[in-house]
Amino acid sequence: MASTAPRSIAAPNSPLWVGLFHLFVVYIVWGSTYLAIRVGVREGSGFPPFSMGGSRLLAATAILFLVAVITRQSLKISPKGLWVHALSGFFLWVGGNGLVMWGEQRADSGYAALLVASVPLWVAIIEGILDRKIPSKLLIGSLLMGFLGIGVLSFPTFRTGGEANLHSIFALLLAPLFWGIGMVVQRRNPVALSPIVSSGYQQLFGAIGFILAALLLGEPWPNPTPKAWWAWGYLVVFGSLFAFTSFIMALKMLPTSLVVTYAYVNPVVAVFLGWLILHEPLNVWTLAGTVLVLVGVAGTFKHQSQENKKHATQE
């Protein structure tokens, strides 16, 4: 899971294939982070979820701030910037990403990605409440379709009644809600910082939250297996650094409406990689739930596109 960013900035001199390459990186890498998380925190990996999250974000923060210093980007942040990044960092990382890591101790990576694909649905609900605006028929239908998909995905586990799995489902259902709150906080409170510095501060506060959570829950000292260390390194280098940079570059070179398609392509990538590498099962419930969730999310994006066109016409 990644941060929101400002609207697209035109880059007419950049070849189209360069922008598409960066978008492809976002598709694959952010989709593959669910697999890396699963490898890092599953039973026997030796990495407690919040300890893994805290150490990963501390490493990413150090690298991002180092890059900012080398490229002479200011690290100065205002009091408003501090509370915005602290609040969004808590909701996005500890509440959103943290619950995904906790849930993936027992839940398949593809399953987790599909449930988290409901983030745009939650964002639409939260913003509708804040704006006191009645949702359109398209948005209501998309929300219902998405939640129906979540129900279809969860049905086999509820039917078997496994307690640990039910706890994982609950965590994975809450994760996109927290992520959505964090996105709304960040979107409605813009701060004048470069993307690299902003990401660094956000991940710093997320790391602090993870460490506090690990201490409060009494997580054991990490004793990761070699595979878990590889997963940790992948999340630091590719998840927190490379994919984020590609996301910013894609926003500069491609229409925003095309870039945001990563939100519903990532789950498809995660399901395929989970099946291919970890041999996670694919059944009729998974496939049906996948279709319903992705249709719901796609409908939400279509609604947002129509709203943007409406506002542009009024202006």
C-alpha atoms as a PDB file:
ATOM      1  CA  MET A   1       0.000   0.000   0.000  1.00  0.00           C
ATOM      2  CA  ALA A   2       1.335   4.100  -1.080  1.00  0.00           C
ATOM      3  CA  SER A   3       0.846   7.882  -0.449  1.00  0.00           C
ATOM      4  CA  THR A   4      -1.360  10.238  -2.406  1.00  0.00           C
ATOM      5  CA  ALA A   5       0.310  12.878  -4.578  1.00  0.00           C
ATOM      6  CA  PRO A   6      -0.602  16.163  -6.267  1.00  0.00           C
ATOM      7  CA  ARG A   7      -2.372  16.313  -9.565  1.00  0.00           C
ATOM      8  CA  SER A   8      -0.605  15.515 -12.775  1.00  0.00           C
ATOM      9  CA  ILE A   9       1.908  17.995 -14.160  1.00  0.00           C
ATOM     10  CA  ALA A  10       2.212  17.962 -17.914  1.00  0.00           C
ATOM     11  CA  ALA A  11       5.483  16.825 -19.386  1.00  0.00           C
ATOM     12  CA  PRO A  12       4.957  17.206 -23.122  1.00  0.00           C
ATOM     13  CA  ASN A  13       8.597  16.531 -24.021  1.00  0.00           C
ATOM     14  CA  SER A  14       8.670  13.141 -22.288  1.00  0.00           C
ATOM     15  CA  PRO A  15       8.085  10.080 -24.490  1.00  0.00           C
ATOM     16  CA  LEU A  16       4.827   8.281 -23.758  1.00  0.00           C
ATOM     17  CA  TRP A  17       6.608   4.952 -23.265  1.00  0.00           C
ATOM     18  CA  VAL A  18       8.639   6.396 -20.369  1.00  0.00           C
ATOM     19  CA  GLY A  19       5.493   7.323 -18.477  1.00  0.00           C
ATOM     20  CA  LEU A  20       3.935   3.941 -19.227  1.00  0.00           C
ATOM     21  CA  PHE A  21       7.097   2.227 -17.978  1.00  0.00           C
ATOM     22  CA  HIS A  22       6.852   4.031 -14.636  1.00  0.00           C
ATOM     23  CA  LEU A  23       3.166   3.137 -14.382  1.00  0.00           C
ATOM     24  CA  PHE A  24       4.031  -0.499 -15.100  1.00  0.00           C
ATOM     25  CA  VAL A  25       6.552  -0.376 -12.227  1.00  0.00           C
ATOM     26  CA  VAL A  26       3.791   0.847  -9.909  1.00  0.00           C
ATOM     27  CA  TYR A  27       1.453  -1.896 -11.142  1.00  0.00           C
ATOM     28  CA  ILE A  28       3.921  -4.699 -10.470  1.00  0.00           C
ATOM     29  CA  VAL A  29       5.833  -3.463  -7.420  1.00  0.00           C
ATOM     30  CA  TRP A  30       2.920  -2.219  -5.354  1.00  0.00           C
ATOM     31  CA  GLY A  31       0.993  -5.356  -6.258  1.00  0.00           C
ATOM     32  CA  SER A  32       3.973  -7.514  -5.240  1.00  0.00           C
ATOM     33  CA  THR A  33       4.388  -5.869  -1.820  1.00  0.00           C
ATOM     34  CA  TYR A  34       1.480  -7.961  -0.514  1.00  0.00           C
ATOM     35  CA  LEU A  35       3.478 -11.059  -1.385  1.00  0.00           C
ATOM     36  CA  ALA A  36       6.591  -9.651   0.316  1.00  0.00           C
ATOM     37  CA  ILE A  37       4.586  -8.837   3.448  1.00  0.00           C
ATOM     38  CA  ARG A  38       3.170 -12.368   3.515  1.00  0.00           C
ATOM     39  CA  VAL A  39       6.662 -13.871   3.247  1.00  0.00           C
ATOM     40  CA  GLY A  40       7.946 -11.544   5.961  1.00  0.00           C
ATOM     41  CA  VAL A  41       5.263 -12.042   8.637  1.00  0.00           C
ATOM     42  CA  ARG A  42       3.744 -15.489   8.086  1.00  0.00           C
ATOM     43  CA  GLU A  43       4.123 -18.071  10.849  1.00  0.00           C
ATOM     44  CA  GLY A  44       7.725 -19.164  11.246  1.00  0.00           C
ATOM     45  CA  SER A  45       9.182 -16.113   9.490  1.00  0.00           C
ATOM     46  CA  GLY A  46      10.581 -14.673  12.719  1.00  0.00           C
ATOM     47  CA  PHE A  47       9.385 -11.122  11.980  1.00  0.00           C
ATOM     48  CA  PRO A  48       6.554  -9.784  14.197  1.00  0.00           C
ATOM     49  CA  PRO A  49       4.395  -7.500  12.030  1.00  0.00           C
ATOM     50  CA  PHE A  50       4.838  -4.167  13.817  1.00  0.00           C
ATOM     51  CA  SER A  51       8.552  -4.708  14.395  1.00  0.00           C
ATOM     52  CA  MET A  52       8.937  -5.401  10.689  1.00  0.00           C
ATOM     53  CA  GLY A  53       6.925  -2.319   9.775  1.00  0.00           C
ATOM     54  CA  GLY A  54       8.830  -0.027  12.139  1.00  0.00           C
ATOM     55  CA  SER A  55      12.280  -1.158  11.039  1.00  0.00           C
ATOM     56  CA  ARG A  56      11.287  -0.991   7.370  1.00  0.00           C
ATOM     57  CA  LEU A  57      10.015   2.573   7.640  1.00  0.00           C
ATOM     58  CA  LEU A  58      13.018   3.755   9.660  1.00  0.00           C
ATOM     59  CA  ALA A  59      15.326   2.465   6.941  1.00  0.00           C
ATOM     60  CA  ALA A  60      13.214   4.053   4.190  1.00  0.00           C
ATOM     61  CA  THR A  61      13.060   7.362   6.092  1.00  0.00           C
ATOM     62  CA  ALA A  62      16.841   7.488   6.463  1.00  0.00           C
ATOM     63  CA  ILE A  63      17.336   6.860   2.738  1.00  0.00           C
ATOM     64  CA  LEU A  64      14.700   9.413   1.695  1.00  0.00           C
ATOM     65  CA  PHE A  65      16.137  12.138   3.938  1.00  0.00           C
ATOM     66  CA  LEU A  66      19.653  11.344   2.703  1.00  0.00           C
ATOM     67  CA  VAL A  67      18.485  11.710  -0.891  1.00  0.00           C
ATOM     68  CA  ALA A  68      16.779  14.997   0.023  1.00  0.00           C
ATOM     69  CA  VAL A  69      19.977  16.357   1.595  1.00  0.00           C
ATOM     70  CA  ILE A  70      22.129  15.270  -1.356  1.00  0.00           C
ATOM     71  CA  THR A  71      19.716  16.906  -3.817  1.00  0.00           C
ATOM     72  CA  ARG A  72      19.494  20.024  -1.583  1.00  0.00           C
ATOM     73  CA  GLN A  73      15.801  19.729  -0.786  1.00  0.00           C
ATOM     74  CA  SER A  74      14.715  21.533   2.367  1.00  0.00           C
ATOM     75  CA  LEU A  75      13.764  19.365   5.358  1.00  0.00           C
ATOM     76  CA  LYS A  76      12.140  22.317   7.154  1.00  0.00           C
ATOM     77  CA  ILE A  77       8.539  21.591   8.107  1.00  0.00           C
ATOM     78  CA  SER A  78       5.845  23.839   9.596  1.00  0.00           C
ATOM     79  CA  PRO A  79       3.795  23.030  12.734  1.00  0.00           C
ATOM     80  CA  LYS A  80       0.829  22.327  10.448  1.00  0.00           C
ATOM     81  CA  GLY A  81       2.990  20.003   8.387  1.00  0.00           C
ATOM     82  CA  LEU A  82       4.017  18.114  11.512  1.00  0.00           C
ATOM     83  CA  TRP A  83       0.484  17.337  12.642  1.00  0.00           C
ATOM     84  CA  VAL A  84      -0.723  16.538   9.109  1.00  0.00           C
ATOM     85  CA  HIS A  85       2.119  14.067   8.579  1.00  0.00           C
ATOM     86  CA  ALA A  86       1.778  12.639  12.082  1.00  0.00           C
ATOM     87  CA  LEU A  87      -1.956  12.054  11.645  1.00  0.00           C
ATOM     88  CA  SER A  88      -1.800  10.769   8.076  1.00  0.00           C
ATOM     89  CA  GLY A  89       1.282   8.700   8.923  1.00  0.00           C
ATOM     90  CA  PHE A  90      -0.586   7.004  11.759  1.00  0.00           C
ATOM     91  CA  PHE A  91      -3.680   6.201   9.726  1.00  0.00           C
ATOM     92  CA  LEU A  92      -1.887   5.223   6.510  1.00  0.00           C
ATOM     93  CA  TRP A  93       0.965   3.220   7.970  1.00  0.00           C
ATOM     94  CA  VAL A  94       0.018   1.984  11.441  1.00  0.00           C
ATOM     95  CA  GLY A  95      -3.719   1.670  10.839  1.00  0.00           C
ATOM     96  CA  GLY A  96      -3.658   0.758   7.145  1.00  0.00           C
ATOM     97  CA  ASN A  97      -0.387  -0.998   6.380  1.00  0.00           C
ATOM     98  CA  GLY A  98      -0.023  -2.273   9.955  1.00  0.00           C
ATOM     99  CA  LEU A  99      -3.354  -4.088   9.944  1.00  0.00           C
ATOM    100  CA  VAL A 100      -2.485  -5.593   6.552  1.00  0.00           C
ATOM    101  CA  MET A 101       0.759  -6.969   7.983  1.00  0.00           C
ATOM    102  CA  TRP A 102      -1.015  -8.256  11.074  1.00  0.00           C
ATOM    103  CA  GLY A 103      -3.743  -9.875   8.972  1.00  0.00           C
ATOM    104  CA  GLU A 104      -1.278 -11.444   6.545  1.00  0.00           C
ATOM    105  CA  GLN A 105       0.223 -13.535   9.325  1.00  0.00           C
ATOM    106  CA  ARG A 106      -2.566 -15.986   8.468  1.00  0.00           C
ATOM    107  CA  ALA A 107      -4.336 -14.585   5.393  1.00  0.00           C
ATOM    108  CA  ASP A 108      -3.144 -15.124   1.810  1.00  0.00           C
ATOM    109  CA  SER A 109      -1.477 -12.139   0.131  1.00  0.00           C
ATOM    110  CA  GLY A 110      -3.900 -12.051  -2.804  1.00  0.00           C
ATOM    111  CA  TYR A 111      -6.882 -12.211  -0.462  1.00  0.00           C
ATOM    112  CA  ALA A 112      -5.483  -9.293   1.552  1.00  0.00           C
ATOM    113  CA  ALA A 113      -4.904  -7.214  -1.573  1.00  0.00           C
ATOM    114  CA  LEU A 114      -8.475  -7.727  -2.744  1.00  0.00           C
ATOM    115  CA  LEU A 115      -9.944  -6.555   0.547  1.00  0.00           C
ATOM    116  CA  VAL A 116      -7.651  -3.520   0.614  1.00  0.00           C
ATOM    117  CA  ALA A 117      -8.801  -2.652  -2.928  1.00  0.00           C
ATOM    118  CA  SER A 118     -11.899  -1.214  -1.270  1.00  0.00           C
ATOM    119  CA  VAL A 119      -9.906   1.901  -0.225  1.00  0.00           C
ATOM    120  CA  PRO A 120     -11.502   4.135  -2.918  1.00  0.00           C
ATOM    121  CA  LEU A 121     -14.922   3.013  -1.724  1.00  0.00           C
ATOM    122  CA  TRP A 122     -14.136   4.131   1.824  1.00  0.00           C
ATOM    123  CA  VAL A 123     -12.682   7.422   0.584  1.00  0.00           C
ATOM    124  CA  ALA A 124     -15.898   8.107  -1.329  1.00  0.00           C
ATOM    125  CA  ILE A 125     -17.982   7.426   1.798  1.00  0.00           C
ATOM    126  CA  ILE A 126     -15.799   9.592   4.062  1.00  0.00           C
ATOM    127  CA  GLU A 127     -15.726  12.516   1.647  1.00  0.00           C
ATOM    128  CA  GLY A 128     -19.469  12.239   1.071  1.00  0.00           C
ATOM    129  CA  ILE A 129     -20.044  12.545   4.827  1.00  0.00           C
ATOM    130  CA  LEU A 130     -17.616  15.458   5.196  1.00  0.00           C
ATOM    131  CA  ASP A 131     -19.108  17.301   2.199  1.00  0.00           C
ATOM    132  CA  ARG A 132     -22.691  16.423   3.235  1.00  0.00           C
ATOM    133  CA  LYS A 133     -23.371  15.348  -0.302  1.00  0.00           C
ATOM    134  CA  ILE A 134     -25.761  12.595  -1.339  1.00  0.00           C
ATOM    135  CA  PRO A 135     -23.884  10.029  -3.435  1.00  0.00           C
ATOM    136  CA  SER A 136     -24.880   9.480  -7.068  1.00  0.00           C
ATOM    137  CA  LYS A 137     -26.609   6.302  -8.217  1.00  0.00           C
ATOM    138  CA  LEU A 138     -23.363   5.207  -9.877  1.00  0.00           C
ATOM    139  CA  LEU A 139     -21.433   5.648  -6.646  1.00  0.00           C
ATOM    140  CA  ILE A 140     -24.065   3.850  -4.548  1.00  0.00           C
ATOM    141  CA  GLY A 141     -24.112   0.959  -7.040  1.00  0.00           C
ATOM    142  CA  SER A 142     -20.315   0.787  -7.039  1.00  0.00           C
ATOM    143  CA  LEU A 143     -20.178   0.746  -3.238  1.00  0.00           C
ATOM    144  CA  LEU A 144     -22.744  -2.036  -3.065  1.00  0.00           C
ATOM    145  CA  MET A 145     -20.879  -4.016  -5.728  1.00  0.00           C
ATOM    146  CA  GLY A 146     -17.601  -3.647  -3.854  1.00  0.00           C
ATOM    147  CA  PHE A 147     -19.023  -4.707  -0.507  1.00  0.00           C
ATOM    148  CA  LEU A 148     -20.797  -7.626  -2.154  1.00  0.00           C
ATOM    149  CA  GLY A 149     -17.427  -8.692  -3.488  1.00  0.00           C
ATOM    150  CA  ILE A 150     -15.914  -8.504  -0.007  1.00  0.00           C
ATOM    151  CA  GLY A 151     -18.758 -10.672   1.273  1.00  0.00           C
ATOM    152  CA  VAL A 152     -18.163 -13.253  -1.457  1.00  0.00           C
ATOM    153  CA  LEU A 153     -14.425 -13.316  -0.682  1.00  0.00           C
ATOM    154  CA  SER A 154     -15.037 -13.738   3.035  1.00  0.00           C
ATOM    155  CA  PHE A 155     -17.836 -16.322   2.825  1.00  0.00           C
ATOM    156  CA  PRO A 156     -15.669 -19.493   2.701  1.00  0.00           C
ATOM    157  CA  THR A 157     -13.769 -18.424   5.825  1.00  0.00           C
ATOM    158  CA  PHE A 158     -16.932 -17.495   7.728  1.00  0.00           C
ATOM    159  CA  ARG A 159     -18.424 -20.832   6.697  1.00  0.00           C
ATOM    160  CA  THR A 160     -15.500 -22.815   8.133  1.00  0.00           C
ATOM    161  CA  GLY A 161     -15.490 -20.663  11.262  1.00  0.00           C
ATOM    162  CA  GLY A 162     -11.728 -20.520  11.843  1.00  0.00           C
ATOM    163  CA  GLU A 163     -11.134 -18.058  14.687  1.00  0.00           C
ATOM    164  CA  ALA A 164      -7.663 -16.929  13.587  1.00  0.00           C
ATOM    165  CA  ASN A 165      -8.834 -16.386  10.042  1.00  0.00           C
ATOM    166  CA  LEU A 166     -11.846 -14.393  11.204  1.00  0.00           C
ATOM    167  CA  HIS A 167      -9.520 -12.097  13.155  1.00  0.00           C
ATOM    168  CA  SER A 168      -7.439 -11.645  10.011  1.00  0.00           C
ATOM    169  CA  ILE A 169     -10.546 -10.787   7.971  1.00  0.00           C
ATOM    170  CA  PHE A 170     -11.588  -8.190  10.548  1.00  0.00           C
ATOM    171  CA  ALA A 171      -8.116  -6.582  10.430  1.00  0.00           C
ATOM    172  CA  LEU A 172      -8.112  -6.565   6.629  1.00  0.00           C
ATOM    173  CA  LEU A 173     -11.595  -5.010   6.557  1.00  0.00           C
ATOM    174  CA  LEU A 174     -10.464  -2.225   8.919  1.00  0.00           C
ATOM    175  CA  ALA A 175      -7.182  -1.578   7.087  1.00  0.00           C
ATOM    176  CA  PRO A 176      -8.697   0.143   4.006  1.00  0.00           C
ATOM    177  CA  LEU A 177     -10.900   2.285   6.273  1.00  0.00           C
ATOM    178  CA  PHE A 178      -7.828   3.574   8.123  1.00  0.00           C
ATOM    179  CA  TRP A 179      -5.971   4.020   4.841  1.00  0.00           C
ATOM    180  CA  GLY A 180      -8.925   5.978   3.454  1.00  0.00           C
ATOM    181  CA  ILE A 181      -8.990   8.284   6.495  1.00  0.00           C
ATOM    182  CA  GLY A 182      -5.273   8.915   6.083  1.00  0.00           C
ATOM    183  CA  MET A 183      -5.730   9.755   2.397  1.00  0.00           C
ATOM    184  CA  VAL A 184      -8.531  12.218   3.164  1.00  0.00           C
ATOM    185  CA  VAL A 185      -6.456  13.900   5.895  1.00  0.00           C
ATOM    186  CA  GLN A 186      -3.522  14.286   3.538  1.00  0.00           C
ATOM    187  CA  ARG A 187      -5.599  15.364   0.534  1.00  0.00           C
ATOM    188  CA  ARG A 188      -7.514  18.053   2.430  1.00  0.00           C
ATOM    189  CA  ASN A 189      -4.475  19.479   4.207  1.00  0.00           C
ATOM    190  CA  PRO A 190      -1.791  20.119   1.558  1.00  0.00           C
ATOM    191  CA  VAL A 191       1.698  20.910   2.836  1.00  0.00           C
ATOM    192  CA  ALA A 192       4.423  22.693   0.848  1.00  0.00           C
ATOM    193  CA  LEU A 193       7.052  19.937   0.830  1.00  0.00           C
ATOM    194  CA  SER A 194       8.719  17.980  -1.954  1.00  0.00           C
ATOM    195  CA  PRO A 195       7.318  14.453  -2.488  1.00  0.00           C
ATOM    196  CA  ILE A 196      10.526  12.848  -1.177  1.00  0.00           C
ATOM    197  CA  VAL A 197      10.605  14.926   2.017  1.00  0.00           C
ATOM    198  CA  SER A 198       6.860  14.530   2.563  1.00  0.00           C
ATOM    199  CA  SER A 199       7.151  10.761   2.179  1.00  0.00           C
ATOM    200  CA  GLY A 200      10.105  10.741   4.574  1.00  0.00           C
ATOM    201  CA  TYR A 201       8.230  12.561   7.339  1.00  0.00           C
ATOM    202  CA  GLN A 202       5.141  10.442   6.835  1.00  0.00           C
ATOM    203  CA  GLN A 203       7.132   7.226   7.080  1.00  0.00           C
ATOM    204  CA  LEU A 204       9.032   8.562  10.101  1.00  0.00           C
ATOM    205  CA  PHE A 205       5.805   9.079  12.041  1.00  0.00           C
ATOM    206  CA  GLY A 206       4.581   5.704  10.815  1.00  0.00           C
ATOM    207  CA  ALA A 207       7.774   4.100  12.141  1.00  0.00           C
ATOM    208  CA  ILE A 208       7.278   5.745  15.542  1.00  0.00           C
ATOM    209  CA  GLY A 209       3.717   4.401  15.646  1.00  0.00           C
ATOM    210  CA  PHE A 210       4.861   0.897  14.711  1.00  0.00           C
ATOM    211  CA  ILE A 211       7.544   0.867  17.403  1.00  0.00           C
ATOM    212  CA  LEU A 212       5.067   2.029  20.058  1.00  0.00           C
ATOM    213  CA  ALA A 213       2.573  -0.632  18.940  1.00  0.00           C
ATOM    214  CA  ALA A 214       5.268  -3.331  19.100  1.00  0.00           C
ATOM    215  CA  LEU A 215       6.215  -2.277  22.645  1.00  0.00           C
ATOM    216  CA  LEU A 216       2.603  -2.037  23.845  1.00  0.00           C
ATOM    217  CA  LEU A 217       1.736  -5.458  22.437  1.00  0.00           C
ATOM    218  CA  GLY A 218       4.926  -7.000  23.773  1.00  0.00           C
ATOM    219  CA  GLU A 219       6.112  -8.335  20.436  1.00  0.00           C
ATOM    220  CA  PRO A 220       9.091 -10.696  20.757  1.00  0.00           C
ATOM    221  CA  TRP A 221      12.503  -9.611  19.512  1.00  0.00           C
ATOM    222  CA  PRO A 222      12.690 -10.296  15.757  1.00  0.00           C
ATOM    223  CA  ASN A 223      14.599 -13.366  14.638  1.00  0.00           C
ATOM    224  CA  PRO A 224      13.931 -13.303  10.888  1.00  0.00           C
ATOM    225  CA  THR A 225      14.645 -16.145   8.517  1.00  0.00           C
ATOM    226  CA  PRO A 226      16.734 -15.371   5.408  1.00  0.00           C
ATOM    227  CA  LYS A 227      13.542 -15.258   3.301  1.00  0.00           C
ATOM    228  CA  ALA A 228      11.982 -12.779   5.732  1.00  0.00           C
ATOM    229  CA  TRP A 229      15.063 -10.551   5.489  1.00  0.00           C
ATOM    230  CA  TRP A 230      14.829 -10.628   1.692  1.00  0.00           C
ATOM    231  CA  ALA A 231      11.149  -9.628   1.947  1.00  0.00           C
ATOM    232  CA  TRP A 232      12.078  -6.793   4.325  1.00  0.00           C
ATOM    233  CA  GLY A 233      14.727  -5.523   1.940  1.00  0.00           C
ATOM    234  CA  TYR A 234      12.329  -5.710  -0.993  1.00  0.00           C
ATOM    235  CA  LEU A 235       9.751  -3.636   0.890  1.00  0.00           C
ATOM    236  CA  VAL A 236      12.337  -0.996   1.803  1.00  0.00           C
ATOM    237  CA  VAL A 237      14.017  -0.644  -1.586  1.00  0.00           C
ATOM    238  CA  PHE A 238      11.217  -1.370  -4.034  1.00  0.00           C
ATOM    239  CA  GLY A 239       8.039  -0.676  -2.037  1.00  0.00           C
ATOM    240  CA  SER A 240       9.093   2.505  -0.214  1.00  0.00           C
ATOM    241  CA  LEU A 241      11.616   3.972  -2.650  1.00  0.00           C
ATOM    242  CA  PHE A 242      11.496   2.861  -6.303  1.00  0.00           C
ATOM    243  CA  ALA A 243       7.727   2.448  -6.687  1.00  0.00           C
ATOM    244  CA  PHE A 244       7.020   5.768  -4.999  1.00  0.00           C
ATOM    245  CA  THR A 245       9.438   7.548  -7.345  1.00  0.00           C
ATOM    246  CA  SER A 246       7.840   5.857 -10.364  1.00  0.00           C
ATOM    247  CA  PHE A 247       4.422   6.934  -9.088  1.00  0.00           C
ATOM    248  CA  ILE A 248       5.500  10.577  -9.007  1.00  0.00           C
ATOM    249  CA  MET A 249       7.095  10.291 -12.464  1.00  0.00           C
ATOM    250  CA  ALA A 250       3.973   8.645 -13.905  1.00  0.00           C
ATOM    251  CA  LEU A 251       1.838  11.478 -12.528  1.00  0.00           C
ATOM    252  CA  LYS A 252       4.059  13.996 -14.329  1.00  0.00           C
ATOM    253  CA  MET A 253       3.983  12.178 -17.673  1.00  0.00           C
ATOM    254  CA  LEU A 254       0.494  10.629 -17.874  1.00  0.00           C
ATOM    255  CA  PRO A 255      -3.088  11.762 -17.203  1.00  0.00           C
ATOM    256  CA  THR A 256      -4.039  11.313 -13.556  1.00  0.00           C
ATOM    257  CA  SER A 257      -7.097   9.288 -14.594  1.00  0.00           C
ATOM    258  CA  LEU A 258      -4.741   6.703 -16.109  1.00  0.00           C
ATOM    259  CA  VAL A 259      -2.289   6.625 -13.194  1.00  0.00           C
ATOM    260  CA  VAL A 260      -4.956   5.920 -10.556  1.00  0.00           C
ATOM    261  CA  THR A 261      -5.743   2.609 -12.247  1.00  0.00           C
ATOM    262  CA  TYR A 262      -2.953   1.154 -10.074  1.00  0.00           C
ATOM    263  CA  ALA A 263      -5.496   0.859  -7.239  1.00  0.00           C
ATOM    264  CA  TYR A 264      -7.413  -1.922  -8.957  1.00  0.00           C
ATOM    265  CA  VAL A 265      -4.548  -3.455 -10.950  1.00  0.00           C
ATOM    266  CA  ASN A 266      -2.479  -4.139  -7.799  1.00  0.00           C
ATOM    267  CA  PRO A 267      -4.902  -6.767  -6.418  1.00  0.00           C
ATOM    268  CA  VAL A 268      -4.880  -8.695  -9.684  1.00  0.00           C
ATOM    269  CA  VAL A 269      -1.068  -8.731  -9.607  1.00  0.00           C
ATOM    270  CA  ALA A 270      -1.085  -9.797  -5.950  1.00  0.00           C
ATOM    271  CA  VAL A 271      -3.512 -12.665  -6.545  1.00  0.00           C
ATOM    272  CA  PHE A 272      -1.493 -13.933  -9.519  1.00  0.00           C
ATOM    273  CA  LEU A 273       1.865 -13.706  -7.704  1.00  0.00           C
ATOM    274  CA  GLY A 274       0.425 -15.374  -4.602  1.00  0.00           C
ATOM    275  CA  TRP A 275      -0.813 -18.250  -6.747  1.00  0.00           C
ATOM    276  CA  LEU A 276       2.397 -18.480  -8.782  1.00  0.00           C
ATOM    277  CA  ILE A 277       4.991 -18.202  -6.002  1.00  0.00           C
ATOM    278  CA  LEU A 278       3.305 -19.205  -2.736  1.00  0.00           C
ATOM    279  CA  HIS A 279       0.764 -21.570  -4.355  1.00  0.00           C
ATOM    280  CA  GLU A 280      -2.117 -19.732  -2.732  1.00  0.00           C
ATOM    281  CA  PRO A 281      -5.432 -21.221  -3.832  1.00  0.00           C
ATOM    282  CA  LEU A 282      -7.627 -19.834  -6.586  1.00  0.00           C
ATOM    283  CA  ASN A 283     -11.260 -20.961  -6.428  1.00  0.00           C
ATOM    284  CA  VAL A 284     -14.637 -19.824  -7.696  1.00  0.00           C
ATOM    285  CA  TRP A 285     -15.206 -17.647  -4.600  1.00  0.00           C
ATOM    286  CA  THR A 286     -11.879 -15.881  -5.107  1.00  0.00           C
ATOM    287  CA  LEU A 287     -12.530 -15.272  -8.793  1.00  0.00           C
ATOM    288  CA  ALA A 288     -16.114 -14.097  -8.281  1.00  0.00           C
ATOM    289  CA  GLY A 289     -15.130 -11.828  -5.387  1.00  0.00           C
ATOM    290  CA  THR A 290     -12.251 -10.446  -7.437  1.00  0.00           C
ATOM    291  CA  VAL A 291     -14.553  -9.449 -10.275  1.00  0.00           C
ATOM    292  CA  LEU A 292     -17.107  -7.811  -7.960  1.00  0.00           C
ATOM    293  CA  VAL A 293     -14.510  -5.839  -5.974  1.00  0.00           C
ATOM    294  CA  LEU A 294     -12.726  -4.581  -9.079  1.00  0.00           C
ATOM    295  CA  VAL A 295     -16.005  -3.635 -10.779  1.00  0.00           C
ATOM    296  CA  GLY A 296     -16.992  -1.688  -7.658  1.00  0.00           C
ATOM    297  CA  VAL A 297     -13.680   0.148  -7.454  1.00  0.00           C
ATOM    298  CA  ALA A 298     -13.663   0.878 -11.200  1.00  0.00           C
ATOM    299  CA  GLY A 299     -17.180   2.287 -10.904  1.00  0.00           C
ATOM    300  CA  THR A 300     -16.021   4.559  -8.095  1.00  0.00           C
ATOM    301  CA  PHE A 301     -13.209   5.904 -10.258  1.00  0.00           C
ATOM    302  CA  LYS A 302     -15.673   6.482 -13.104  1.00  0.00           C
ATOM    303  CA  HIS A 303     -17.877   8.452 -10.713  1.00  0.00           C
ATOM    304  CA  GLN A 304     -14.877  10.553  -9.647  1.00  0.00           C
ATOM    305  CA  SER A 305     -13.950  11.190 -13.291  1.00  0.00           C
ATOM    306  CA  GLN A 306     -17.486  12.402 -14.008  1.00  0.00           C
ATOM    307  CA  GLU A 307     -17.320  14.692 -10.952  1.00  0.00           C
ATOM    308  CA  ASN A 308     -14.002  16.152 -12.118  1.00  0.00           C
ATOM    309  CA  LYS A 309     -15.436  16.864 -15.583  1.00  0.00           C
ATOM    310  CA  LYS A 310     -18.490  18.482 -14.007  1.00  0.00           C
ATOM    311  CA  HIS A 311     -16.336  20.775 -11.849  1.00  0.00           C
ATOM    312  CA  ALA A 312     -14.130  21.654 -14.840  1.00  0.00           C
ATOM    313  CA  THR A 313     -17.210  22.640 -16.846  1.00  0.00           C
ATOM    314  CA  GLN A 314     -18.527  24.826 -14.025  1.00  0.00           C
ATOM    315  CA  GLU A 315     -15.187  26.607 -13.723  1.00  0.00           C
END
